[in-house]
Amino acid sequence: MPRKRLAEVRAKTLLHNAAGVVYEGRSIDTGKDIVEQLQGLNASASYVVKVDQAVKGRYKKGLVRLDVPYDQLATELILLKAQGYRWLMLEPHLAHNAAEERYLQLSRDQYGMHITYSSEGGVNIEQNADSIKRETLSDQTDWANLAQKTGVHESLLRKIVHIFTREYLTFLEINPFVRLGQTLYFLDAAAEVDDAAAYFAKGWTPADFRTATLRPLTTQEQAVQKLNETSPASFNFTVLNPNGSIFLLLSGGGASVAVADEVYATKHGDRLANYGEYSGNPTTDETYQYTTAMLQALLASTAPRKVLFVGGAVANFTDIMNTFSGIIKAIDGLSKQLKAQDVKVYVRRGGPRQQEGLALMAEALKTYGLFGAGHGPEMPLIAAIDEAMEAV
């Protein structure tokens, strides 16, 4: 499953939990009353204000404001909101010498867990590439020596690695951190997680995911995001072209990538309306909710001809009959509008109870006058989406 970026507020909360210290930062949702979200702050303190939306190079882009007095917080937050950002954050400002800034990173790949560190940190870390060192952690790691080289106390370093593993992180960058006396301060942090671990993680949820997109989420995207946050199954829906003509209702991340790639490879990328997928054996009702959101987006499109492609690879455990029942229920509720717009539905799917599911889907679509074609695993996935594209 994809790696997802966590909000910096959440990443720092994990780090402070490792250090046994309460994190004093807070997340600001500019979709809500900003002044109300400032209640309880220390009016005599100054703060750092940042965009917390997976944007790289924030400082150089003017998306970080340092040493902001309390009475100017609302103004700074509103100015960043005006640039299109929904998620911001603030935390107490820490006065320090830039020469004290250091760098630390943890990452994971097929070769193991790696730690990267430097005695030079901050926004110009890339200009100090010679100072950056990298090691692979193992049972033979000399933690005391590593603590000396990284500038992080051995006990805290072990706890950070433990949090990294326990919370299914794939990447954690702390740049910079400073050490004042015996205390470490994490000034900036970025973390990525394996989103398939959302059911098992203790310190984060899908609500903590952040993207760099500036546009506000559509009503349908918000509905799917809320569904994803409350289900052990996985749901993703992103509008690429609100007036597109090719809508994808796909099961499985691999299928979604393959189908979207085929649409672009055949020069129809400008017609692709959405990207998304459902997986993890969702219930009939969850599939109904997901499909309803997608169909609402489809009906809102102004494209003269539209197709819906219901597809996926051959499932291992997702019950085709259950999910198709949810899809049919959603289509049933909007069948008159779909028929009025002459929408055609193309289907290709395989897996447990595929014969029953495909037969039920074909019967329903023919009844509604929406049937384009239906196939099982005998039809290659790419050939099936090519067939659907021919209709538009």
Protein backbone atom coordinates (compact mmCIF):
# COMPACT_ATOMS: atom_id res chain seq x y z
CA MET A 1 0.00 0.00 0.00
CA PRO A 2 1.15 3.63 -0.48
CA ARG A 3 3.28 5.60 1.94
CA LYS A 4 1.37 8.55 3.39
CA ARG A 5 2.71 11.72 4.98
CA LEU A 6 1.67 12.44 8.55
CA ALA A 7 0.87 15.89 9.86
CA GLU A 8 3.95 17.39 11.52
CA VAL A 9 1.88 17.88 14.67
CA ARG A 10 1.32 14.12 14.80
CA ALA A 11 4.98 13.31 14.04
CA LYS A 12 6.13 15.61 16.83
CA THR A 13 3.58 14.14 19.23
CA LEU A 14 5.12 10.71 18.59
CA LEU A 15 8.61 12.11 19.20
CA HIS A 16 7.60 13.85 22.40
CA ASN A 17 5.90 10.67 23.60
CA ALA A 18 9.22 8.89 23.07
CA ALA A 19 10.94 11.59 25.13
CA GLY A 20 8.28 11.47 27.84
CA VAL A 21 7.43 15.15 27.33
CA VAL A 22 4.05 16.72 26.57
CA TYR A 23 4.00 18.36 23.15
CA GLU A 24 2.69 21.94 23.30
CA GLY A 25 2.01 22.42 19.60
CA ARG A 26 -1.45 22.36 18.12
CA SER A 27 -3.06 21.82 14.74
CA ILE A 28 -5.13 24.60 13.17
CA ASP A 29 -7.93 23.77 10.72
CA THR A 30 -8.61 26.93 8.71
CA GLY A 31 -11.99 25.51 7.75
CA LYS A 32 -13.07 26.30 11.30
CA ASP A 33 -13.04 29.47 13.43
CA ILE A 34 -9.35 30.40 13.79
CA VAL A 35 -9.69 32.69 16.81
CA GLU A 36 -11.59 30.03 18.71
CA GLN A 37 -8.73 27.57 18.09
CA LEU A 38 -6.28 29.96 19.80
CA GLN A 39 -8.07 29.75 23.12
CA GLY A 40 -5.89 28.66 26.05
CA LEU A 41 -2.54 29.78 24.60
CA ASN A 42 -0.05 31.77 26.66
CA ALA A 43 -0.68 35.40 25.67
CA SER A 44 2.82 36.45 26.77
CA ALA A 45 4.65 33.85 24.65
CA SER A 46 5.73 33.94 21.00
CA TYR A 47 5.09 31.16 18.52
CA VAL A 48 6.16 29.48 15.29
CA VAL A 49 3.42 29.26 12.64
CA LYS A 50 3.75 26.78 9.76
CA VAL A 51 1.81 25.24 6.91
CA ASP A 52 1.31 21.60 7.94
CA GLN A 53 0.39 20.11 4.59
CA ALA A 54 3.29 17.97 3.30
CA VAL A 55 4.90 20.94 1.49
CA LYS A 56 8.65 20.68 0.99
CA GLY A 57 10.95 23.68 1.48
CA ARG A 58 8.39 25.59 3.53
CA TYR A 59 10.85 28.03 5.05
CA LYS A 60 12.27 29.11 1.70
CA LYS A 61 8.72 29.44 0.32
CA GLY A 62 7.67 31.78 3.12
CA LEU A 63 5.34 29.24 4.70
CA VAL A 64 7.02 29.35 8.12
CA ARG A 65 6.70 32.39 10.43
CA LEU A 66 9.06 32.59 13.40
CA ASP A 67 8.78 34.42 16.72
CA VAL A 68 5.17 35.52 16.20
CA PRO A 69 3.64 37.34 19.20
CA TYR A 70 0.32 36.01 20.48
CA ASP A 71 -1.63 39.07 19.33
CA GLN A 72 -0.43 38.53 15.73
CA LEU A 73 -1.20 34.82 15.50
CA ALA A 74 -4.67 35.18 14.00
CA THR A 75 -3.37 37.56 11.32
CA GLU A 76 -0.55 35.22 10.28
CA LEU A 77 -2.87 32.22 10.19
CA ILE A 78 -5.41 34.06 8.06
CA LEU A 79 -2.68 35.14 5.61
CA LEU A 80 -1.62 31.52 5.13
CA LYS A 81 -5.24 30.43 4.80
CA ALA A 82 -5.64 33.02 2.02
CA GLN A 83 -2.96 31.14 0.04
CA GLY A 84 -5.24 28.10 -0.05
CA TYR A 85 -3.88 26.02 2.82
CA ARG A 86 -6.31 24.28 5.13
CA TRP A 87 -3.95 22.71 7.68
CA LEU A 88 -1.61 24.89 9.70
CA MET A 89 0.18 24.44 13.01
CA LEU A 90 1.68 26.51 15.76
CA GLU A 91 4.03 25.81 18.65
CA PRO A 92 6.11 27.83 21.13
CA HIS A 93 9.09 29.59 19.57
CA LEU A 94 12.52 28.43 20.81
CA ALA A 95 15.33 30.98 20.65
CA HIS A 96 18.60 29.24 19.77
CA ASN A 97 21.86 29.57 17.85
CA ALA A 98 21.62 28.18 14.30
CA ALA A 99 25.07 26.66 14.76
CA GLU A 100 23.55 24.26 17.32
CA GLU A 101 21.15 22.72 14.80
CA ARG A 102 21.60 19.04 13.93
CA TYR A 103 20.04 16.50 11.58
CA LEU A 104 18.61 12.99 12.12
CA GLN A 105 16.72 10.64 9.83
CA LEU A 106 15.37 7.09 10.08
CA SER A 107 14.26 5.14 7.01
CA ARG A 108 13.28 1.60 6.14
CA ASP A 109 13.67 -0.42 2.95
CA GLN A 110 14.16 -4.05 1.89
CA TYR A 111 17.69 -3.98 3.29
CA GLY A 112 16.68 -2.93 6.79
CA MET A 113 16.42 0.18 8.95
CA HIS A 114 18.90 2.98 8.38
CA ILE A 115 19.91 6.02 10.40
CA THR A 116 21.30 9.15 8.79
CA TYR A 117 22.75 11.99 10.84
CA SER A 118 24.79 15.17 10.67
CA SER A 119 26.20 17.75 13.04
CA GLU A 120 25.00 20.34 10.50
CA GLY A 121 21.24 20.80 10.30
CA GLY A 122 18.60 23.25 9.17
CA VAL A 123 17.34 24.51 5.83
CA ASN A 124 20.80 24.33 4.22
CA ILE A 125 21.51 20.69 5.09
CA GLU A 126 21.96 19.80 1.41
CA GLN A 127 24.83 22.25 1.17
CA ASN A 128 26.65 20.26 3.88
CA ALA A 129 26.47 16.85 2.19
CA ASP A 130 29.99 15.92 3.34
CA SER A 131 28.84 16.02 6.97
CA ILE A 132 26.00 13.52 6.43
CA LYS A 133 26.69 9.95 7.63
CA ARG A 134 24.54 6.83 7.23
CA GLU A 135 24.50 3.49 9.05
CA THR A 136 22.28 0.42 9.01
CA LEU A 137 20.90 -0.61 12.39
CA SER A 138 21.36 -4.22 13.48
CA ASP A 139 21.77 -6.44 16.54
CA GLN A 140 25.43 -5.41 16.54
CA THR A 141 24.76 -1.66 16.67
CA ASP A 142 26.90 0.13 19.25
CA TRP A 143 24.22 2.37 20.67
CA ALA A 144 26.52 4.30 22.99
CA ASN A 145 28.81 5.17 20.10
CA LEU A 146 25.86 6.03 17.87
CA ALA A 147 24.48 8.33 20.53
CA GLN A 148 27.81 10.17 20.62
CA LYS A 149 27.78 10.63 16.84
CA THR A 150 24.16 11.69 16.52
CA GLY A 151 24.02 13.93 19.57
CA VAL A 152 20.92 12.10 20.86
CA HIS A 153 20.97 10.46 24.30
CA GLU A 154 21.22 6.69 23.97
CA SER A 155 17.99 6.01 25.84
CA LEU A 156 16.05 8.53 23.76
CA LEU A 157 17.59 7.26 20.53
CA ARG A 158 16.44 3.73 21.35
CA LYS A 159 12.95 5.02 22.18
CA ILE A 160 12.70 6.92 18.89
CA VAL A 161 13.67 3.76 17.00
CA HIS A 162 11.10 1.83 19.02
CA ILE A 163 8.36 4.34 18.15
CA PHE A 164 9.45 4.21 14.51
CA THR A 165 8.95 0.44 14.49
CA ARG A 166 5.84 0.27 16.65
CA GLU A 167 3.97 2.88 14.61
CA TYR A 168 4.89 1.39 11.21
CA LEU A 169 6.82 4.44 10.06
CA THR A 170 8.78 4.15 6.83
CA PHE A 171 10.51 7.52 7.07
CA LEU A 172 11.23 10.02 9.84
CA GLU A 173 13.30 13.16 9.38
CA ILE A 174 14.10 15.56 12.21
CA ASN A 175 15.66 18.67 10.74
CA PRO A 176 16.71 20.40 12.74
CA PHE A 177 16.85 19.44 16.38
CA VAL A 178 18.89 21.28 18.98
CA ARG A 179 20.32 20.18 22.29
CA LEU A 180 20.22 22.78 25.04
CA GLY A 181 21.81 21.38 28.16
CA GLN A 182 20.41 17.88 28.60
CA THR A 183 17.19 18.61 26.72
CA LEU A 184 16.51 17.95 23.03
CA TYR A 185 14.09 20.11 21.08
CA PHE A 186 12.60 18.87 17.80
CA LEU A 187 12.16 22.00 15.71
CA ASP A 188 10.98 20.38 12.49
CA ALA A 189 9.84 16.84 11.71
CA ALA A 190 8.51 14.92 8.73
CA ALA A 191 7.13 11.38 8.92
CA GLU A 192 5.69 8.87 6.46
CA VAL A 193 3.82 5.69 7.31
CA ASP A 194 2.58 2.56 5.57
CA ASP A 195 -1.13 3.33 5.27
CA ALA A 196 -1.96 -0.38 5.32
CA ALA A 197 -0.97 -0.35 9.01
CA ALA A 198 -3.72 2.09 10.03
CA TYR A 199 -5.65 -0.70 11.77
CA PHE A 200 -2.65 -1.63 13.92
CA ALA A 201 -1.03 1.72 14.68
CA LYS A 202 -1.61 3.24 18.11
CA GLY A 203 -0.26 6.74 17.59
CA TRP A 204 -1.92 7.87 14.33
CA THR A 205 -5.02 7.42 12.19
CA PRO A 206 -5.80 8.23 8.52
CA ALA A 207 -7.15 11.57 9.78
CA ASP A 208 -3.49 12.54 10.31
CA PHE A 209 -2.57 12.12 6.63
CA ARG A 210 -1.63 15.28 4.78
CA THR A 211 -1.17 16.15 1.10
CA ALA A 212 0.26 19.21 -0.56
CA THR A 213 -2.86 19.93 -2.61
CA LEU A 214 -4.15 23.48 -2.30
CA ARG A 215 -7.68 23.05 -3.57
CA PRO A 216 -10.38 22.25 -1.02
CA LEU A 217 -11.70 18.70 -1.03
CA THR A 218 -14.93 18.14 -2.91
CA THR A 219 -17.99 16.98 -1.01
CA GLN A 220 -17.48 13.49 -2.40
CA GLU A 221 -13.79 13.41 -1.46
CA GLN A 222 -14.68 14.48 2.07
CA ALA A 223 -17.29 11.72 2.31
CA VAL A 224 -14.79 9.06 1.22
CA GLN A 225 -12.13 10.44 3.57
CA LYS A 226 -14.56 10.18 6.48
CA LEU A 227 -15.51 6.64 5.44
CA ASN A 228 -11.83 5.66 5.29
CA GLU A 229 -11.23 7.03 8.78
CA THR A 230 -13.98 4.92 10.33
CA SER A 231 -13.46 1.59 8.54
CA PRO A 232 -10.85 -1.17 8.79
CA ALA A 233 -11.11 -1.39 4.98
CA SER A 234 -9.31 1.14 2.77
CA PHE A 235 -10.99 3.80 0.59
CA ASN A 236 -9.38 6.43 -1.60
CA PHE A 237 -11.02 8.87 -4.01
CA THR A 238 -9.34 11.85 -5.69
CA VAL A 239 -10.95 14.01 -8.36
CA LEU A 240 -8.52 14.66 -11.21
CA ASN A 241 -10.92 16.30 -13.68
CA PRO A 242 -14.40 17.17 -12.36
CA ASN A 243 -15.68 17.26 -15.96
CA GLY A 244 -13.96 14.08 -17.07
CA SER A 245 -15.70 11.30 -18.97
CA ILE A 246 -13.92 8.17 -17.64
CA PHE A 247 -14.76 7.29 -14.03
CA LEU A 248 -12.97 4.44 -12.25
CA LEU A 249 -14.49 2.32 -9.49
CA LEU A 250 -11.57 0.01 -8.75
CA SER A 251 -10.65 -2.53 -6.12
CA GLY A 252 -7.02 -2.79 -5.08
CA GLY A 253 -4.11 -0.36 -5.29
CA GLY A 254 -2.33 -2.35 -8.00
CA ALA A 255 -5.38 -2.35 -10.25
CA SER A 256 -5.92 1.38 -9.77
CA VAL A 257 -2.34 2.16 -10.81
CA ALA A 258 -2.44 -0.18 -13.83
CA VAL A 259 -5.77 1.13 -15.12
CA ALA A 260 -4.92 4.80 -14.65
CA ASP A 261 -1.57 4.21 -16.38
CA GLU A 262 -3.35 2.59 -19.34
CA VAL A 263 -5.72 5.55 -19.67
CA TYR A 264 -2.78 7.95 -19.87
CA ALA A 265 -0.74 5.65 -22.13
CA THR A 266 -3.56 5.63 -24.67
CA LYS A 267 -3.69 9.45 -24.71
CA HIS A 268 -6.96 9.72 -22.78
CA GLY A 269 -5.48 11.19 -19.60
CA ASP A 270 -7.35 14.46 -20.06
CA ARG A 271 -10.61 12.48 -19.89
CA LEU A 272 -9.79 10.63 -16.67
CA ALA A 273 -12.08 11.98 -13.99
CA ASN A 274 -10.73 10.35 -10.86
CA TYR A 275 -8.17 8.14 -9.20
CA GLY A 276 -9.02 5.85 -6.31
CA GLU A 277 -9.62 2.38 -4.97
CA TYR A 278 -11.33 0.33 -2.32
CA SER A 279 -9.74 -2.71 -0.71
CA GLY A 280 -9.63 -4.78 2.47
CA ASN A 281 -12.97 -6.59 2.00
CA PRO A 282 -15.35 -3.68 2.74
CA THR A 283 -18.92 -4.39 3.76
CA THR A 284 -21.87 -4.03 1.41
CA ASP A 285 -22.91 -0.78 3.13
CA GLU A 286 -19.39 0.67 2.98
CA THR A 287 -19.17 -0.13 -0.73
CA TYR A 288 -22.58 1.48 -1.20
CA GLN A 289 -21.40 4.68 0.49
CA TYR A 290 -18.19 4.77 -1.55
CA THR A 291 -20.00 4.14 -4.85
CA THR A 292 -22.65 6.74 -4.08
CA ALA A 293 -19.97 9.41 -3.58
CA MET A 294 -18.36 8.47 -6.89
CA LEU A 295 -21.65 8.46 -8.79
CA GLN A 296 -22.51 11.89 -7.44
CA ALA A 297 -19.22 13.17 -8.87
CA LEU A 298 -19.95 11.41 -12.17
CA LEU A 299 -23.41 12.99 -12.46
CA ALA A 300 -21.94 16.44 -11.77
CA SER A 301 -19.52 16.13 -14.71
CA THR A 302 -20.46 18.15 -17.80
CA ALA A 303 -18.81 15.69 -20.22
CA PRO A 304 -21.22 14.81 -23.08
CA ARG A 305 -20.47 11.07 -22.85
CA LYS A 306 -19.47 9.23 -19.67
CA VAL A 307 -18.53 5.70 -18.70
CA LEU A 308 -18.05 4.02 -15.34
CA PHE A 309 -15.46 1.25 -15.20
CA VAL A 310 -15.97 -1.18 -12.32
CA GLY A 311 -12.85 -3.28 -12.16
CA GLY A 312 -10.05 -4.88 -10.28
CA ALA A 313 -7.66 -7.79 -10.22
CA VAL A 314 -8.65 -11.27 -9.08
CA ALA A 315 -9.31 -10.83 -5.36
CA ASN A 316 -7.87 -13.15 -2.74
CA PHE A 317 -10.49 -12.60 -0.04
CA THR A 318 -12.70 -9.63 -0.95
CA ASP A 319 -16.22 -11.02 -1.44
CA ILE A 320 -17.28 -10.01 -4.96
CA MET A 321 -20.96 -10.65 -4.25
CA ASN A 322 -20.94 -8.40 -1.18
CA THR A 323 -19.15 -5.49 -2.83
CA PHE A 324 -21.16 -5.75 -6.03
CA SER A 325 -24.35 -5.73 -3.97
CA GLY A 326 -23.25 -2.39 -2.51
CA ILE A 327 -22.42 -1.02 -5.96
CA ILE A 328 -25.79 -2.13 -7.36
CA LYS A 329 -27.62 -0.55 -4.44
CA ALA A 330 -25.89 2.79 -5.13
CA ILE A 331 -26.63 2.57 -8.87
CA ASP A 332 -30.25 1.71 -8.12
CA GLY A 333 -30.69 4.90 -6.12
CA LEU A 334 -29.36 7.05 -8.98
CA SER A 335 -30.35 4.92 -11.97
CA LYS A 336 -32.79 7.43 -13.47
CA GLN A 337 -30.19 10.22 -13.50
CA LEU A 338 -27.55 7.87 -14.90
CA LYS A 339 -29.88 6.69 -17.63
CA ALA A 340 -30.82 10.28 -18.49
CA GLN A 341 -27.14 11.04 -19.07
CA ASP A 342 -26.71 7.85 -21.12
CA VAL A 343 -23.96 6.54 -18.82
CA LYS A 344 -22.61 3.08 -19.64
CA VAL A 345 -21.04 0.77 -17.07
CA TYR A 346 -18.24 -1.68 -17.91
CA VAL A 347 -17.26 -4.41 -15.48
CA ARG A 348 -14.21 -6.67 -15.08
CA ARG A 349 -13.64 -8.51 -11.82
CA GLY A 350 -12.66 -11.85 -10.31
CA GLY A 351 -12.43 -13.46 -6.92
CA PRO A 352 -14.62 -15.19 -4.32
CA ARG A 353 -18.24 -15.55 -5.56
CA GLN A 354 -17.37 -13.84 -8.85
CA GLN A 355 -19.94 -15.74 -10.93
CA GLU A 356 -22.84 -14.77 -8.69
CA GLY A 357 -21.60 -11.18 -8.44
CA LEU A 358 -21.04 -10.72 -12.18
CA ALA A 359 -24.43 -12.25 -13.03
CA LEU A 360 -26.20 -10.01 -10.52
CA MET A 361 -24.37 -6.93 -11.82
CA ALA A 362 -25.17 -7.68 -15.47
CA GLU A 363 -28.85 -8.29 -14.70
CA ALA A 364 -29.18 -5.03 -12.75
CA LEU A 365 -27.35 -2.90 -15.33
CA LYS A 366 -29.46 -4.30 -18.17
CA THR A 367 -32.62 -3.54 -16.18
CA TYR A 368 -31.48 0.08 -15.69
CA GLY A 369 -30.37 0.42 -19.34
CA LEU A 370 -26.79 1.11 -18.26
CA PHE A 371 -25.03 -2.10 -19.32
CA GLY A 372 -21.88 -1.70 -21.39
CA ALA A 373 -20.10 -5.03 -20.93
CA GLY A 374 -19.20 -7.48 -18.17
CA HIS A 375 -16.20 -9.79 -17.86
CA GLY A 376 -14.51 -12.12 -15.44
CA PRO A 377 -10.78 -12.96 -15.23
CA GLU A 378 -10.87 -14.37 -18.80
CA MET A 379 -10.67 -10.75 -20.01
CA PRO A 380 -7.32 -9.02 -19.22
CA LEU A 381 -7.80 -5.93 -17.07
CA ILE A 382 -6.11 -3.64 -19.60
CA ALA A 383 -8.25 -4.98 -22.46
CA ALA A 384 -11.36 -4.30 -20.39
CA ILE A 385 -10.52 -0.65 -19.73
CA ASP A 386 -9.62 -0.22 -23.42
CA GLU A 387 -13.11 -1.48 -24.28
CA ALA A 388 -14.67 1.06 -21.91
CA MET A 389 -12.61 3.91 -23.35
CA GLU A 390 -13.87 3.12 -26.85
CA ALA A 391 -17.34 4.14 -25.69
CA VAL A 392 -16.23 7.75 -25.18
